[in-house]
Amino acid sequence: MRWSAFFRAVLFPHKGVIITLVPTVVLLLIYVLLYFPPQSPLSITVYVLATYTLTICCARVPTFVRFCRAFKQNNKWAKRWVADTAWRMRLSLHSSLALNIAYAALQLGLGVYHQSFWLFCIAGYYALLAIMRLFLTRHTRRYRAGESMREELAKYRACGVVLLLLNLALTAMMLMMIYQNRTFRHYRITAIAMAAYTFAALALAIVNIVRYRRHNSPVYAAAKAISLAAACVSMLTLTQTLLATFGGESTSDTFRRVILATSGGVVSAGIILMAVAMIVQGTRQIKRITKENTNG
């Protein structure tokens, strides 16, 4: 066998090898992270295997991109996803609602396990965000984007008011956590899963806010604002989780308080500004529509 053929076989193995390796490596990583130190021979072996798995997956990216393009052109549901903005937005709202409820349930379960008032509050925060998403989803079932602009603006403004009130409550809870200095440690794998969810949610929220601005729909804008607020609060929760789980005894109480106060202040200020902007813009647009209808 030529060396080029050998390296090609190593870098581009059969699809069945990749399908087998990915879940196996994930399970092995979880196992060694929970029960073995990083310098153990088994951990090193698993890390090497994970690196190889990641490499062969990256090597398949061009093939995967071509597959996705062909799928988008030939599959009727993919075609509808691209062409029908209203249907895509409704599907996005429903999936965000389901994910929101699942994350609230996770925080509730962690709150029961750790007996943490903070986690109970976070679970309640996400539950209320889920109710707001349900509120918007019901509107998309009755109307298309821009069909009932005044009602959309009213819902947009109402979401801003609720976000503002929720954030004020969240700020009070955050201050309580900082001054009482209550911390709790998660399993490392739980912390890693929370980090993956948080960064993915934040990136997706930012991308969607930019993507859906051109549709001029207050309901869509409100849904994406809720997603961004949820991602920011997840980032705040993640900061506390990482400090408690990976900081250990080497992290001083003063350092924790400074980091939590700084991140909490940035998140709270950002959400407050966003909520106030929603209220002001919604009120201004409603007045403009009312004035136009009166003059007409």
Protein backbone atom coordinates (compact mmCIF):
# COMPACT_ATOMS: atom_id res chain seq x y z
CA MET A 1 0.00 0.00 0.00
CA ARG A 2 1.32 3.42 -0.92
CA TRP A 3 1.77 6.00 1.83
CA SER A 4 -0.71 8.34 0.17
CA ALA A 5 -3.35 5.62 0.13
CA PHE A 6 -2.57 4.77 3.75
CA PHE A 7 -2.94 8.36 4.95
CA ARG A 8 -6.11 8.74 2.92
CA ALA A 9 -7.56 5.62 4.55
CA VAL A 10 -6.62 7.00 7.98
CA LEU A 11 -7.95 10.50 7.33
CA PHE A 12 -11.06 9.42 5.41
CA PRO A 13 -12.22 6.15 7.00
CA HIS A 14 -15.51 4.48 6.19
CA LYS A 15 -18.64 6.30 7.37
CA GLY A 16 -19.41 3.40 9.69
CA VAL A 17 -16.13 4.01 11.51
CA ILE A 18 -17.06 7.65 12.11
CA ILE A 19 -20.59 6.76 13.21
CA THR A 20 -19.14 4.26 15.69
CA LEU A 21 -16.31 6.46 16.93
CA VAL A 22 -18.27 9.63 17.72
CA PRO A 23 -20.66 8.24 20.39
CA THR A 24 -17.94 5.93 21.74
CA VAL A 25 -15.50 8.81 22.22
CA VAL A 26 -18.18 10.98 23.82
CA LEU A 27 -18.99 8.26 26.36
CA LEU A 28 -15.30 7.62 27.05
CA LEU A 29 -14.66 11.33 27.58
CA ILE A 30 -17.50 11.54 30.05
CA TYR A 31 -16.17 8.48 31.87
CA VAL A 32 -12.57 9.71 32.20
CA LEU A 33 -13.63 13.24 33.12
CA LEU A 34 -15.72 11.89 35.98
CA TYR A 35 -13.49 9.13 37.33
CA PHE A 36 -9.87 9.58 36.15
CA PRO A 37 -7.30 12.36 36.57
CA PRO A 38 -6.12 14.10 33.37
CA GLN A 39 -2.61 12.62 33.57
CA SER A 40 -3.72 8.99 33.80
CA PRO A 41 -2.80 6.70 30.84
CA LEU A 42 -6.47 6.00 30.08
CA SER A 43 -7.29 9.72 30.01
CA ILE A 44 -4.39 10.45 27.67
CA THR A 45 -5.42 7.60 25.38
CA VAL A 46 -9.00 8.86 25.24
CA TYR A 47 -7.83 12.42 24.56
CA VAL A 48 -5.71 11.19 21.64
CA LEU A 49 -8.63 9.17 20.29
CA ALA A 50 -10.90 12.21 20.65
CA THR A 51 -8.40 14.34 18.74
CA TYR A 52 -8.31 11.80 15.93
CA THR A 53 -12.11 11.62 15.84
CA LEU A 54 -12.37 15.40 15.65
CA THR A 55 -9.80 15.46 12.85
CA ILE A 56 -11.60 12.94 10.64
CA CYS A 57 -14.91 14.71 11.28
CA CYS A 58 -13.40 18.03 10.17
CA ALA A 59 -11.98 16.34 7.09
CA ARG A 60 -15.54 15.36 6.14
CA VAL A 61 -16.84 18.95 6.35
CA PRO A 62 -16.67 19.65 2.57
CA THR A 63 -18.56 16.42 1.86
CA PHE A 64 -21.14 17.34 4.50
CA VAL A 65 -21.56 20.80 2.98
CA ARG A 66 -22.20 19.31 -0.46
CA PHE A 67 -24.72 16.91 1.05
CA CYS A 68 -26.55 19.79 2.75
CA ARG A 69 -26.70 21.77 -0.50
CA ALA A 70 -28.11 18.80 -2.38
CA PHE A 71 -30.58 18.14 0.41
CA LYS A 72 -31.73 21.77 0.37
CA GLN A 73 -32.34 21.63 -3.37
CA ASN A 74 -34.15 18.28 -3.48
CA ASN A 75 -36.08 17.99 -0.20
CA LYS A 76 -39.50 19.68 -0.11
CA TRP A 77 -39.26 20.52 3.60
CA ALA A 78 -35.84 22.07 3.14
CA LYS A 79 -37.19 24.12 0.23
CA ARG A 80 -40.06 25.31 2.39
CA TRP A 81 -37.63 26.20 5.20
CA VAL A 82 -35.74 28.49 2.82
CA ALA A 83 -38.75 30.01 1.05
CA ASP A 84 -41.43 30.31 3.76
CA THR A 85 -40.25 32.79 6.39
CA ALA A 86 -43.46 32.64 8.43
CA TRP A 87 -43.38 28.84 8.65
CA ARG A 88 -39.67 28.91 9.53
CA MET A 89 -40.30 31.45 12.27
CA ARG A 90 -43.18 29.46 13.73
CA LEU A 91 -41.02 26.35 13.77
CA SER A 92 -38.21 28.33 15.38
CA LEU A 93 -40.57 29.64 18.06
CA HIS A 94 -41.86 26.15 18.84
CA SER A 95 -38.37 24.65 19.05
CA SER A 96 -37.17 27.55 21.22
CA LEU A 97 -40.19 27.06 23.45
CA ALA A 98 -39.43 23.34 23.86
CA LEU A 99 -35.74 24.04 24.56
CA ASN A 100 -36.68 26.78 27.01
CA ILE A 101 -38.97 24.43 28.95
CA ALA A 102 -36.30 21.70 28.96
CA TYR A 103 -33.65 24.10 30.31
CA ALA A 104 -36.05 25.38 32.97
CA ALA A 105 -36.71 21.77 34.00
CA LEU A 106 -32.93 21.15 34.19
CA GLN A 107 -32.43 24.17 36.44
CA LEU A 108 -35.37 23.07 38.59
CA GLY A 109 -33.88 19.59 38.94
CA LEU A 110 -30.49 21.03 39.84
CA GLY A 111 -32.19 23.33 42.33
CA VAL A 112 -33.88 20.38 44.03
CA TYR A 113 -30.61 18.43 44.06
CA HIS A 114 -28.48 21.30 45.43
CA GLN A 115 -31.28 22.84 47.52
CA SER A 116 -30.42 26.17 45.89
CA PHE A 117 -32.76 29.15 45.96
CA TRP A 118 -30.77 30.71 43.10
CA LEU A 119 -31.43 27.75 40.79
CA PHE A 120 -35.11 27.76 41.72
CA CYS A 121 -35.23 31.42 40.73
CA ILE A 122 -33.43 30.74 37.44
CA ALA A 123 -35.89 27.93 36.70
CA GLY A 124 -38.77 30.35 37.36
CA TYR A 125 -37.12 32.96 35.12
CA TYR A 126 -36.91 30.53 32.21
CA ALA A 127 -40.43 29.31 32.84
CA LEU A 128 -41.70 32.89 32.50
CA LEU A 129 -39.67 33.34 29.32
CA ALA A 130 -41.35 30.18 28.02
CA ILE A 131 -44.77 31.70 28.77
CA MET A 132 -43.77 34.81 26.82
CA ARG A 133 -42.70 32.65 23.88
CA LEU A 134 -46.04 30.82 24.05
CA PHE A 135 -47.73 34.22 24.02
CA LEU A 136 -45.92 35.09 20.77
CA THR A 137 -46.44 31.65 19.24
CA ARG A 138 -50.22 31.98 19.57
CA HIS A 139 -50.04 35.21 17.57
CA THR A 140 -48.10 33.58 14.71
CA ARG A 141 -50.81 30.90 14.48
CA ARG A 142 -53.47 33.54 13.82
CA TYR A 143 -51.60 36.10 11.71
CA ARG A 144 -48.74 36.31 9.27
CA ALA A 145 -45.88 38.75 9.81
CA GLY A 146 -47.10 42.35 9.46
CA GLU A 147 -50.75 41.38 9.02
CA SER A 148 -51.84 42.93 12.32
CA MET A 149 -49.10 45.44 13.04
CA ARG A 150 -50.79 47.22 15.93
CA GLU A 151 -51.35 43.95 17.80
CA GLU A 152 -47.78 42.89 17.06
CA LEU A 153 -46.48 46.16 18.48
CA ALA A 154 -48.62 45.75 21.59
CA LYS A 155 -47.15 42.29 22.18
CA TYR A 156 -43.66 43.61 21.45
CA ARG A 157 -44.09 46.34 24.06
CA ALA A 158 -45.63 43.92 26.59
CA CYS A 159 -42.61 41.62 26.22
CA GLY A 160 -40.35 44.60 26.91
CA VAL A 161 -42.27 45.40 30.10
CA VAL A 162 -42.11 41.78 31.32
CA LEU A 163 -38.40 41.56 30.51
CA LEU A 164 -37.77 44.75 32.46
CA LEU A 165 -39.65 43.48 35.52
CA LEU A 166 -38.02 40.06 35.33
CA ASN A 167 -34.57 41.60 35.06
CA LEU A 168 -35.14 43.79 38.11
CA ALA A 169 -36.08 40.67 40.07
CA LEU A 170 -33.04 38.86 38.66
CA THR A 171 -30.77 41.73 39.74
CA ALA A 172 -32.13 41.52 43.29
CA MET A 173 -31.51 37.76 43.37
CA MET A 174 -28.01 38.25 42.00
CA LEU A 175 -27.18 40.78 44.69
CA MET A 176 -28.41 38.33 47.32
CA MET A 177 -26.17 35.59 45.91
CA ILE A 178 -23.12 37.89 45.84
CA TYR A 179 -23.50 39.18 49.38
CA GLN A 180 -24.43 35.83 50.90
CA ASN A 181 -21.63 34.19 48.85
CA ARG A 182 -23.52 30.94 48.30
CA THR A 183 -21.81 28.57 45.91
CA PHE A 184 -22.44 25.00 44.82
CA ARG A 185 -20.47 22.65 42.63
CA HIS A 186 -21.84 20.71 39.70
CA TYR A 187 -20.39 17.61 38.19
CA ARG A 188 -17.82 18.62 35.58
CA ILE A 189 -19.78 17.04 32.78
CA THR A 190 -22.87 19.05 33.83
CA ALA A 191 -20.81 22.24 33.76
CA ILE A 192 -19.42 21.39 30.32
CA ALA A 193 -22.92 20.66 28.99
CA MET A 194 -24.15 24.00 30.36
CA ALA A 195 -21.21 25.77 28.71
CA ALA A 196 -21.95 24.15 25.35
CA TYR A 197 -25.63 25.12 25.57
CA THR A 198 -24.84 28.67 26.66
CA PHE A 199 -22.35 29.51 23.92
CA ALA A 200 -24.51 27.88 21.24
CA ALA A 201 -27.61 29.76 22.45
CA LEU A 202 -25.78 33.10 22.59
CA ALA A 203 -24.29 32.72 19.11
CA LEU A 204 -27.63 31.63 17.64
CA ALA A 205 -29.49 34.50 19.33
CA ILE A 206 -27.09 37.11 17.93
CA VAL A 207 -27.22 35.61 14.42
CA ASN A 208 -31.03 35.47 14.44
CA ILE A 209 -31.41 39.07 15.63
CA VAL A 210 -29.35 40.23 12.66
CA ARG A 211 -31.04 37.81 10.23
CA TYR A 212 -34.66 38.67 11.09
CA ARG A 213 -34.31 42.45 11.29
CA ARG A 214 -35.19 42.81 7.60
CA HIS A 215 -38.62 41.18 8.06
CA ASN A 216 -40.00 44.19 9.97
CA SER A 217 -42.07 42.05 12.35
CA PRO A 218 -42.29 43.14 16.02
CA VAL A 219 -43.34 39.61 17.04
CA TYR A 220 -40.26 38.11 15.41
CA ALA A 221 -38.09 40.82 16.99
CA ALA A 222 -39.61 40.16 20.42
CA ALA A 223 -38.97 36.41 20.07
CA LYS A 224 -35.32 37.02 19.25
CA ALA A 225 -34.98 39.53 22.09
CA ILE A 226 -36.26 36.87 24.49
CA SER A 227 -33.73 34.41 23.09
CA LEU A 228 -30.92 36.92 23.61
CA ALA A 229 -32.07 37.66 27.18
CA ALA A 230 -32.21 33.94 27.96
CA ALA A 231 -28.72 33.43 26.53
CA CYS A 232 -27.33 36.32 28.59
CA VAL A 233 -28.82 34.92 31.80
CA SER A 234 -27.40 31.52 30.86
CA MET A 235 -23.99 33.17 30.56
CA LEU A 236 -24.43 34.60 34.05
CA THR A 237 -25.38 31.20 35.45
CA LEU A 238 -22.47 29.62 33.61
CA THR A 239 -20.02 32.10 35.15
CA GLN A 240 -21.15 31.12 38.63
CA THR A 241 -21.08 27.42 37.75
CA LEU A 242 -17.55 27.51 36.32
CA LEU A 243 -16.20 29.48 39.27
CA ALA A 244 -17.66 27.01 41.74
CA THR A 245 -16.90 23.83 39.78
CA PHE A 246 -13.43 24.51 38.40
CA GLY A 247 -12.22 27.32 40.66
CA GLY A 248 -11.87 25.11 43.70
CA GLU A 249 -10.26 26.39 46.85
CA SER A 250 -7.77 28.48 44.89
CA THR A 251 -10.44 31.03 43.98
CA SER A 252 -11.00 33.56 46.74
CA ASP A 253 -14.43 34.77 47.83
CA THR A 254 -13.48 38.33 46.87
CA PHE A 255 -12.56 37.26 43.33
CA ARG A 256 -15.86 35.39 42.96
CA ARG A 257 -17.83 38.38 44.11
CA VAL A 258 -16.01 40.77 41.75
CA ILE A 259 -16.49 38.48 38.74
CA LEU A 260 -20.15 37.80 39.54
CA ALA A 261 -20.87 41.47 40.21
CA THR A 262 -19.18 42.54 36.97
CA SER A 263 -20.83 39.92 34.77
CA GLY A 264 -24.18 40.42 36.51
CA GLY A 265 -23.98 44.18 36.05
CA VAL A 266 -23.18 43.87 32.34
CA VAL A 267 -25.98 41.34 31.73
CA SER A 268 -28.54 43.32 33.73
CA ALA A 269 -27.65 46.61 32.05
CA GLY A 270 -27.85 45.03 28.61
CA ILE A 271 -31.26 43.46 29.21
CA ILE A 272 -32.62 46.65 30.79
CA LEU A 273 -31.51 48.73 27.80
CA MET A 274 -33.05 46.20 25.42
CA ALA A 275 -36.33 46.11 27.37
CA VAL A 276 -36.55 49.92 27.56
CA ALA A 277 -35.86 50.17 23.82
CA MET A 278 -38.68 47.69 23.13
CA ILE A 279 -41.10 49.68 25.29
CA VAL A 280 -40.14 53.04 23.75
CA GLN A 281 -40.17 51.80 20.15
CA GLY A 282 -43.42 49.89 20.64
CA THR A 283 -45.17 52.90 22.19
CA ARG A 284 -43.88 55.25 19.52
CA GLN A 285 -44.99 53.02 16.66
CA ILE A 286 -48.44 52.43 18.21
CA LYS A 287 -48.93 56.20 18.53
CA ARG A 288 -47.88 56.67 14.92
CA ILE A 289 -50.34 54.02 13.67
CA THR A 290 -53.13 55.47 15.82
CA LYS A 291 -52.44 58.96 14.47
CA GLU A 292 -52.45 57.70 10.87
CA ASN A 293 -55.74 55.86 11.38
CA THR A 294 -57.29 58.95 12.98
CA ASN A 295 -56.17 61.24 10.16
CA GLY A 296 -57.23 58.66 7.57
